[in-house]
Amino acid sequence: MAQETLFICQPYVLGKKGGLKPQPPITYTTEAQASLRAHRIMEGGSAAGVDVVRQTADPDMGDYDEPIFLERLGTVPQLDT
């Protein structure tokens, strides 16, 4: 299969010790869908934060490029620089 572009909505909740725990990622076919979902999650108050990322991948080969962060809402993990 050829490479495809994934748009991923990655929510986080606060763990018992106050750390962030990633929840299952939600994959969409467009940036607009992922962004809308992220904003709805934040409005619902069930998550501490949400990342929206774009990632090019060939899932059949297990080849994933580095994610590109499109939006970071609320409290999200710090990025390594």
PDB file of N, CA and C in Angstrom:
ATOM      1  N   MET A   1       0.846  -1.192   0.000  1.00  0.00           N
ATOM      2  CA  MET A   1       0.000   0.000   0.000  1.00  0.00           C
ATOM      3  C   MET A   1       0.884   1.247   0.000  1.00  0.00           C
ATOM      4  N   ALA A   2       0.406   2.293  -0.579  1.00  0.00           N
ATOM      5  CA  ALA A   2       1.154   3.548  -0.663  1.00  0.00           C
ATOM      6  C   ALA A   2       1.064   4.323   0.640  1.00  0.00           C
ATOM      7  N   GLN A   3       1.892   5.342   0.720  1.00  0.00           N
ATOM      8  CA  GLN A   3       1.856   6.204   1.904  1.00  0.00           C
ATOM      9  C   GLN A   3       0.542   6.961   1.951  1.00  0.00           C
ATOM     10  N   GLU A   4       0.089   7.206   3.158  1.00  0.00           N
ATOM     11  CA  GLU A   4      -1.122   7.984   3.361  1.00  0.00           C
ATOM     12  C   GLU A   4      -0.871   8.995   4.467  1.00  0.00           C
ATOM     13  N   THR A   5      -1.685  10.046   4.475  1.00  0.00           N
ATOM     14  CA  THR A   5      -1.580  11.069   5.508  1.00  0.00           C
ATOM     15  C   THR A   5      -2.680  10.840   6.523  1.00  0.00           C
ATOM     16  N   LEU A   6      -2.277  10.742   7.774  1.00  0.00           N
ATOM     17  CA  LEU A   6      -3.216  10.540   8.870  1.00  0.00           C
ATOM     18  C   LEU A   6      -3.350  11.827   9.667  1.00  0.00           C
ATOM     19  N   PHE A   7      -4.549  12.121  10.111  1.00  0.00           N
ATOM     20  CA  PHE A   7      -4.795  13.247  11.004  1.00  0.00           C
ATOM     21  C   PHE A   7      -5.294  12.637  12.311  1.00  0.00           C
ATOM     22  N   ILE A   8      -4.544  12.870  13.371  1.00  0.00           N
ATOM     23  CA  ILE A   8      -4.782  12.174  14.627  1.00  0.00           C
ATOM     24  C   ILE A   8      -5.151  13.164  15.726  1.00  0.00           C
ATOM     25  N   CYS A   9      -6.228  12.848  16.420  1.00  0.00           N
ATOM     26  CA  CYS A   9      -6.672  13.594  17.589  1.00  0.00           C
ATOM     27  C   CYS A   9      -6.246  12.763  18.800  1.00  0.00           C
ATOM     28  N   GLN A  10      -5.311  13.291  19.607  1.00  0.00           N
ATOM     29  CA  GLN A  10      -4.752  12.551  20.745  1.00  0.00           C
ATOM     30  C   GLN A  10      -5.149  13.235  22.045  1.00  0.00           C
ATOM     31  N   PRO A  11      -6.181  12.723  22.741  1.00  0.00           N
ATOM     32  CA  PRO A  11      -6.570  13.319  24.020  1.00  0.00           C
ATOM     33  C   PRO A  11      -5.706  12.821  25.183  1.00  0.00           C
ATOM     34  N   TYR A  12      -5.633  13.639  26.229  1.00  0.00           N
ATOM     35  CA  TYR A  12      -4.917  13.314  27.461  1.00  0.00           C
ATOM     36  C   TYR A  12      -5.831  13.612  28.650  1.00  0.00           C
ATOM     37  N   VAL A  13      -5.753  12.757  29.667  1.00  0.00           N
ATOM     38  CA  VAL A  13      -6.461  13.008  30.924  1.00  0.00           C
ATOM     39  C   VAL A  13      -5.427  13.055  32.036  1.00  0.00           C
ATOM     40  N   LEU A  14      -5.827  13.621  33.164  1.00  0.00           N
ATOM     41  CA  LEU A  14      -4.931  13.659  34.315  1.00  0.00           C
ATOM     42  C   LEU A  14      -4.996  12.329  35.049  1.00  0.00           C
ATOM     43  N   GLY A  15      -3.829  11.780  35.349  1.00  0.00           N
ATOM     44  CA  GLY A  15      -3.745  10.537  36.108  1.00  0.00           C
ATOM     45  C   GLY A  15      -3.897  10.800  37.588  1.00  0.00           C
ATOM     46  N   LYS A  16      -3.871   9.739  38.383  1.00  0.00           N
ATOM     47  CA  LYS A  16      -4.059   9.852  39.837  1.00  0.00           C
ATOM     48  C   LYS A  16      -2.991  10.699  40.501  1.00  0.00           C
ATOM     49  N   LYS A  17      -1.783  10.682  39.966  1.00  0.00           N
ATOM     50  CA  LYS A  17      -0.688  11.454  40.556  1.00  0.00           C
ATOM     51  C   LYS A  17      -0.491  12.799  39.860  1.00  0.00           C
ATOM     52  N   GLY A  18      -1.455  13.193  39.044  1.00  0.00           N
ATOM     53  CA  GLY A  18      -1.397  14.489  38.378  1.00  0.00           C
ATOM     54  C   GLY A  18      -0.685  14.493  37.040  1.00  0.00           C
ATOM     55  N   GLY A  19      -0.105  13.366  36.649  1.00  0.00           N
ATOM     56  CA  GLY A  19       0.552  13.289  35.345  1.00  0.00           C
ATOM     57  C   GLY A  19      -0.460  13.097  34.228  1.00  0.00           C
ATOM     58  N   LEU A  20      -0.040  13.368  33.020  1.00  0.00           N
ATOM     59  CA  LEU A  20      -0.917  13.201  31.865  1.00  0.00           C
ATOM     60  C   LEU A  20      -0.888  11.762  31.372  1.00  0.00           C
ATOM     61  N   LYS A  21      -2.068  11.239  31.084  1.00  0.00           N
ATOM     62  CA  LYS A  21      -2.188   9.889  30.545  1.00  0.00           C
ATOM     63  C   LYS A  21      -2.816   9.983  29.158  1.00  0.00           C
ATOM     64  N   PRO A  22      -2.137   9.477  28.118  1.00  0.00           N
ATOM     65  CA  PRO A  22      -2.747   9.497  26.793  1.00  0.00           C
ATOM     66  C   PRO A  22      -3.918   8.524  26.727  1.00  0.00           C
ATOM     67  N   GLN A  23      -4.940   8.935  26.049  1.00  0.00           N
ATOM     68  CA  GLN A  23      -6.098   8.098  25.796  1.00  0.00           C
ATOM     69  C   GLN A  23      -5.962   7.525  24.375  1.00  0.00           C
ATOM     70  N   PRO A  24      -6.809   6.608  23.982  1.00  0.00           N
ATOM     71  CA  PRO A  24      -6.687   6.070  22.625  1.00  0.00           C
ATOM     72  C   PRO A  24      -6.778   7.183  21.570  1.00  0.00           C
ATOM     73  N   PRO A  25      -5.858   7.187  20.610  1.00  0.00           N
ATOM     74  CA  PRO A  25      -5.904   8.195  19.552  1.00  0.00           C
ATOM     75  C   PRO A  25      -7.072   7.931  18.609  1.00  0.00           C
ATOM     76  N   ILE A  26      -7.572   9.013  18.016  1.00  0.00           N
ATOM     77  CA  ILE A  26      -8.684   8.929  17.069  1.00  0.00           C
ATOM     78  C   ILE A  26      -8.159   9.428  15.727  1.00  0.00           C
ATOM     79  N   THR A  27      -8.250   8.612  14.702  1.00  0.00           N
ATOM     80  CA  THR A  27      -7.700   8.953  13.386  1.00  0.00           C
ATOM     81  C   THR A  27      -8.797   9.421  12.441  1.00  0.00           C
ATOM     82  N   TYR A  28      -8.484  10.479  11.694  1.00  0.00           N
ATOM     83  CA  TYR A  28      -9.417  11.047  10.721  1.00  0.00           C
ATOM     84  C   TYR A  28      -8.739  11.180   9.370  1.00  0.00           C
ATOM     85  N   THR A  29      -9.558  11.412   8.338  1.00  0.00           N
ATOM     86  CA  THR A  29      -9.022  11.559   6.987  1.00  0.00           C
ATOM     87  C   THR A  29      -8.733  13.011   6.622  1.00  0.00           C
ATOM     88  N   THR A  30      -9.251  13.964   7.433  1.00  0.00           N
ATOM     89  CA  THR A  30      -8.980  15.370   7.153  1.00  0.00           C
ATOM     90  C   THR A  30      -8.573  16.102   8.432  1.00  0.00           C
ATOM     91  N   GLU A  31      -7.816  17.166   8.243  1.00  0.00           N
ATOM     92  CA  GLU A  31      -7.410  18.015   9.366  1.00  0.00           C
ATOM     93  C   GLU A  31      -8.625  18.643  10.030  1.00  0.00           C
ATOM     94  N   ALA A  32      -9.607  19.064   9.235  1.00  0.00           N
ATOM     95  CA  ALA A  32     -10.801  19.714   9.778  1.00  0.00           C
ATOM     96  C   ALA A  32     -11.559  18.776  10.718  1.00  0.00           C
ATOM     97  N   GLN A  33     -11.684  17.504  10.348  1.00  0.00           N
ATOM     98  CA  GLN A  33     -12.377  16.538  11.207  1.00  0.00           C
ATOM     99  C   GLN A  33     -11.646  16.362  12.532  1.00  0.00           C
ATOM    100  N   ALA A  34     -10.328  16.218  12.478  1.00  0.00           N
ATOM    101  CA  ALA A  34      -9.535  16.028  13.690  1.00  0.00           C
ATOM    102  C   ALA A  34      -9.607  17.260  14.595  1.00  0.00           C
ATOM    103  N   SER A  35      -9.538  18.435  13.990  1.00  0.00           N
ATOM    104  CA  SER A  35      -9.599  19.682  14.753  1.00  0.00           C
ATOM    105  C   SER A  35     -10.961  19.850  15.416  1.00  0.00           C
ATOM    106  N   LEU A  36     -12.020  19.582  14.684  1.00  0.00           N
ATOM    107  CA  LEU A  36     -13.370  19.699  15.239  1.00  0.00           C
ATOM    108  C   LEU A  36     -13.540  18.762  16.427  1.00  0.00           C
ATOM    109  N   ARG A  37     -13.072  17.531  16.289  1.00  0.00           N
ATOM    110  CA  ARG A  37     -13.168  16.565  17.384  1.00  0.00           C
ATOM    111  C   ARG A  37     -12.377  17.040  18.609  1.00  0.00           C
ATOM    112  N   ALA A  38     -11.185  17.566  18.385  1.00  0.00           N
ATOM    113  CA  ALA A  38     -10.359  18.057  19.486  1.00  0.00           C
ATOM    114  C   ALA A  38     -11.074  19.168  20.251  1.00  0.00           C
ATOM    115  N   HIS A  39     -11.671  20.099  19.535  1.00  0.00           N
ATOM    116  CA  HIS A  39     -12.377  21.202  20.187  1.00  0.00           C
ATOM    117  C   HIS A  39     -13.602  20.693  20.943  1.00  0.00           C
ATOM    118  N   ARG A  40     -14.283  19.722  20.391  1.00  0.00           N
ATOM    119  CA  ARG A  40     -15.454  19.147  21.086  1.00  0.00           C
ATOM    120  C   ARG A  40     -15.034  18.417  22.355  1.00  0.00           C
ATOM    121  N   ILE A  41     -13.924  17.698  22.291  1.00  0.00           N
ATOM    122  CA  ILE A  41     -13.423  17.010  23.487  1.00  0.00           C
ATOM    123  C   ILE A  41     -13.118  18.033  24.578  1.00  0.00           C
ATOM    124  N   MET A  42     -12.457  19.126  24.204  1.00  0.00           N
ATOM    125  CA  MET A  42     -12.108  20.151  25.200  1.00  0.00           C
ATOM    126  C   MET A  42     -13.357  20.831  25.760  1.00  0.00           C
ATOM    127  N   GLU A  43     -14.342  21.102  24.897  1.00  0.00           N
ATOM    128  CA  GLU A  43     -15.584  21.720  25.364  1.00  0.00           C
ATOM    129  C   GLU A  43     -16.338  20.802  26.322  1.00  0.00           C
ATOM    130  N   GLY A  44     -16.217  19.495  26.110  1.00  0.00           N
ATOM    131  CA  GLY A  44     -16.905  18.533  26.960  1.00  0.00           C
ATOM    132  C   GLY A  44     -16.310  18.393  28.350  1.00  0.00           C
ATOM    133  N   GLY A  45     -15.071  18.862  28.518  1.00  0.00           N
ATOM    134  CA  GLY A  45     -14.438  18.847  29.831  1.00  0.00           C
ATOM    135  C   GLY A  45     -13.923  17.497  30.287  1.00  0.00           C
ATOM    136  N   SER A  46     -13.902  16.509  29.411  1.00  0.00           N
ATOM    137  CA  SER A  46     -13.461  15.174  29.828  1.00  0.00           C
ATOM    138  C   SER A  46     -11.953  14.966  29.695  1.00  0.00           C
ATOM    139  N   ALA A  47     -11.278  15.910  29.065  1.00  0.00           N
ATOM    140  CA  ALA A  47      -9.830  15.775  28.846  1.00  0.00           C
ATOM    141  C   ALA A  47      -9.101  16.989  29.383  1.00  0.00           C
ATOM    142  N   ALA A  48      -7.851  16.755  29.804  1.00  0.00           N
ATOM    143  CA  ALA A  48      -7.007  17.862  30.251  1.00  0.00           C
ATOM    144  C   ALA A  48      -6.443  18.614  29.049  1.00  0.00           C
ATOM    145  N   GLY A  49      -6.252  17.904  27.942  1.00  0.00           N
ATOM    146  CA  GLY A  49      -5.690  18.509  26.742  1.00  0.00           C
ATOM    147  C   GLY A  49      -5.813  17.573  25.557  1.00  0.00           C
ATOM    148  N   VAL A  50      -5.547  18.133  24.380  1.00  0.00           N
ATOM    149  CA  VAL A  50      -5.639  17.366  23.135  1.00  0.00           C
ATOM    150  C   VAL A  50      -4.591  17.882  22.158  1.00  0.00           C
ATOM    151  N   ASP A  51      -3.903  16.952  21.514  1.00  0.00           N
ATOM    152  CA  ASP A  51      -3.022  17.284  20.395  1.00  0.00           C
ATOM    153  C   ASP A  51      -3.698  16.858  19.103  1.00  0.00           C
ATOM    154  N   VAL A  52      -3.523  17.671  18.072  1.00  0.00           N
ATOM    155  CA  VAL A  52      -3.938  17.292  16.718  1.00  0.00           C
ATOM    156  C   VAL A  52      -2.658  17.254  15.897  1.00  0.00           C
ATOM    157  N   VAL A  53      -2.380  16.092  15.308  1.00  0.00           N
ATOM    158  CA  VAL A  53      -1.149  15.926  14.546  1.00  0.00           C
ATOM    159  C   VAL A  53      -1.433  15.377  13.162  1.00  0.00           C
ATOM    160  N   ARG A  54      -0.514  15.678  12.253  1.00  0.00           N
ATOM    161  CA  ARG A  54      -0.527  15.105  10.905  1.00  0.00           C
ATOM    162  C   ARG A  54       0.680  14.182  10.812  1.00  0.00           C
ATOM    163  N   GLN A  55       0.450  13.009  10.272  1.00  0.00           N
ATOM    164  CA  GLN A  55       1.549  12.050  10.157  1.00  0.00           C
ATOM    165  C   GLN A  55       1.405  11.270   8.857  1.00  0.00           C
ATOM    166  N   THR A  56       2.486  11.205   8.117  1.00  0.00           N
ATOM    167  CA  THR A  56       2.525  10.411   6.896  1.00  0.00           C
ATOM    168  C   THR A  56       3.001   9.018   7.274  1.00  0.00           C
ATOM    169  N   ALA A  57       2.310   8.005   6.724  1.00  0.00           N
ATOM    170  CA  ALA A  57       2.645   6.648   7.119  1.00  0.00           C
ATOM    171  C   ALA A  57       2.329   5.647   6.012  1.00  0.00           C
ATOM    172  N   ASP A  58       3.006   4.522   6.095  1.00  0.00           N
ATOM    173  CA  ASP A  58       2.670   3.336   5.306  1.00  0.00           C
ATOM    174  C   ASP A  58       2.393   2.247   6.338  1.00  0.00           C
ATOM    175  N   PRO A  59       1.136   2.164   6.806  1.00  0.00           N
ATOM    176  CA  PRO A  59       0.809   1.235   7.885  1.00  0.00           C
ATOM    177  C   PRO A  59       1.146  -0.226   7.566  1.00  0.00           C
ATOM    178  N   ASP A  60       1.011  -0.623   6.320  1.00  0.00           N
ATOM    179  CA  ASP A  60       1.312  -2.009   5.946  1.00  0.00           C
ATOM    180  C   ASP A  60       2.783  -2.343   6.168  1.00  0.00           C
ATOM    181  N   MET A  61       3.652  -1.365   5.968  1.00  0.00           N
ATOM    182  CA  MET A  61       5.087  -1.569   6.147  1.00  0.00           C
ATOM    183  C   MET A  61       5.551  -1.198   7.561  1.00  0.00           C
ATOM    184  N   GLY A  62       4.640  -0.558   8.343  1.00  0.00           N
ATOM    185  CA  GLY A  62       5.011  -0.118   9.684  1.00  0.00           C
ATOM    186  C   GLY A  62       5.929   1.088   9.666  1.00  0.00           C
ATOM    187  N   ASP A  63       5.868   1.866   8.585  1.00  0.00           N
ATOM    188  CA  ASP A  63       6.740   3.029   8.406  1.00  0.00           C
ATOM    189  C   ASP A  63       5.956   4.307   8.700  1.00  0.00           C
ATOM    190  N   TYR A  64       6.358   5.016   9.765  1.00  0.00           N
ATOM    191  CA  TYR A  64       5.673   6.242  10.167  1.00  0.00           C
ATOM    192  C   TYR A  64       6.673   7.384  10.242  1.00  0.00           C
ATOM    193  N   ASP A  65       6.349   8.515   9.596  1.00  0.00           N
ATOM    194  CA  ASP A  65       7.180   9.708   9.696  1.00  0.00           C
ATOM    195  C   ASP A  65       6.915  10.389  11.041  1.00  0.00           C
ATOM    196  N   GLU A  66       7.781  11.346  11.388  1.00  0.00           N
ATOM    197  CA  GLU A  66       7.589  12.110  12.618  1.00  0.00           C
ATOM    198  C   GLU A  66       6.278  12.899  12.520  1.00  0.00           C
ATOM    199  N   PRO A  67       5.513  12.970  13.610  1.00  0.00           N
ATOM    200  CA  PRO A  67       4.270  13.735  13.580  1.00  0.00           C
ATOM    201  C   PRO A  67       4.536  15.239  13.522  1.00  0.00           C
ATOM    202  N   ILE A  68       3.644  15.933  12.855  1.00  0.00           N
ATOM    203  CA  ILE A  68       3.674  17.396  12.796  1.00  0.00           C
ATOM    204  C   ILE A  68       2.482  17.892  13.602  1.00  0.00           C
ATOM    205  N   PHE A  69       2.769  18.673  14.658  1.00  0.00           N
ATOM    206  CA  PHE A  69       1.711  19.156  15.536  1.00  0.00           C
ATOM    207  C   PHE A  69       0.985  20.325  14.879  1.00  0.00           C
ATOM    208  N   LEU A  70      -0.325  20.176  14.727  1.00  0.00           N
ATOM    209  CA  LEU A  70      -1.155  21.208  14.097  1.00  0.00           C
ATOM    210  C   LEU A  70      -1.846  22.077  15.137  1.00  0.00           C
ATOM    211  N   GLU A  71      -2.286  21.456  16.234  1.00  0.00           N
ATOM    212  CA  GLU A  71      -2.938  22.177  17.327  1.00  0.00           C
ATOM    213  C   GLU A  71      -2.580  21.503  18.634  1.00  0.00           C
ATOM    214  N   ARG A  72      -2.457  22.317  19.687  1.00  0.00           N
ATOM    215  CA  ARG A  72      -2.215  21.801  21.038  1.00  0.00           C
ATOM    216  C   ARG A  72      -3.155  22.579  21.955  1.00  0.00           C
ATOM    217  N   LEU A  73      -4.131  21.887  22.490  1.00  0.00           N
ATOM    218  CA  LEU A  73      -5.164  22.525  23.295  1.00  0.00           C
ATOM    219  C   LEU A  73      -5.073  22.057  24.738  1.00  0.00           C
ATOM    220  N   GLY A  74      -5.237  22.974  25.674  1.00  0.00           N
ATOM    221  CA  GLY A  74      -5.235  22.613  27.082  1.00  0.00           C
ATOM    222  C   GLY A  74      -3.861  22.216  27.572  1.00  0.00           C
ATOM    223  N   THR A  75      -3.826  21.263  28.515  1.00  0.00           N
ATOM    224  CA  THR A  75      -2.583  20.773  29.108  1.00  0.00           C
ATOM    225  C   THR A  75      -2.139  19.544  28.328  1.00  0.00           C
ATOM    226  N   VAL A  76      -0.985  19.657  27.677  1.00  0.00           N
ATOM    227  CA  VAL A  76      -0.448  18.574  26.865  1.00  0.00           C
ATOM    228  C   VAL A  76       1.017  18.344  27.252  1.00  0.00           C
ATOM    229  N   PRO A  77       1.573  17.178  26.931  1.00  0.00           N
ATOM    230  CA  PRO A  77       2.977  16.932  27.275  1.00  0.00           C
ATOM    231  C   PRO A  77       3.911  17.929  26.590  1.00  0.00           C
ATOM    232  N   GLN A  78       4.975  18.257  27.286  1.00  0.00           N
ATOM    233  CA  GLN A  78       5.975  19.163  26.723  1.00  0.00           C
ATOM    234  C   GLN A  78       6.717  18.453  25.593  1.00  0.00           C
ATOM    235  N   LEU A  79       6.987  19.169  24.514  1.00  0.00           N
ATOM    236  CA  LEU A  79       7.718  18.604  23.397  1.00  0.00           C
ATOM    237  C   LEU A  79       9.211  18.668  23.672  1.00  0.00           C
ATOM    238  N   ASP A  80       9.921  17.612  23.307  1.00  0.00           N
ATOM    239  CA  ASP A  80      11.381  17.618  23.396  1.00  0.00           C
ATOM    240  C   ASP A  80      11.914  18.483  22.270  1.00  0.00           C
ATOM    241  N   THR A  81      12.851  19.338  22.590  1.00  0.00           N
ATOM    242  CA  THR A  81      13.413  20.212  21.548  1.00  0.00           C
ATOM    243  C   THR A  81      14.848  19.872  21.271  1.00  0.00           C
TER     244      THR A  81
END
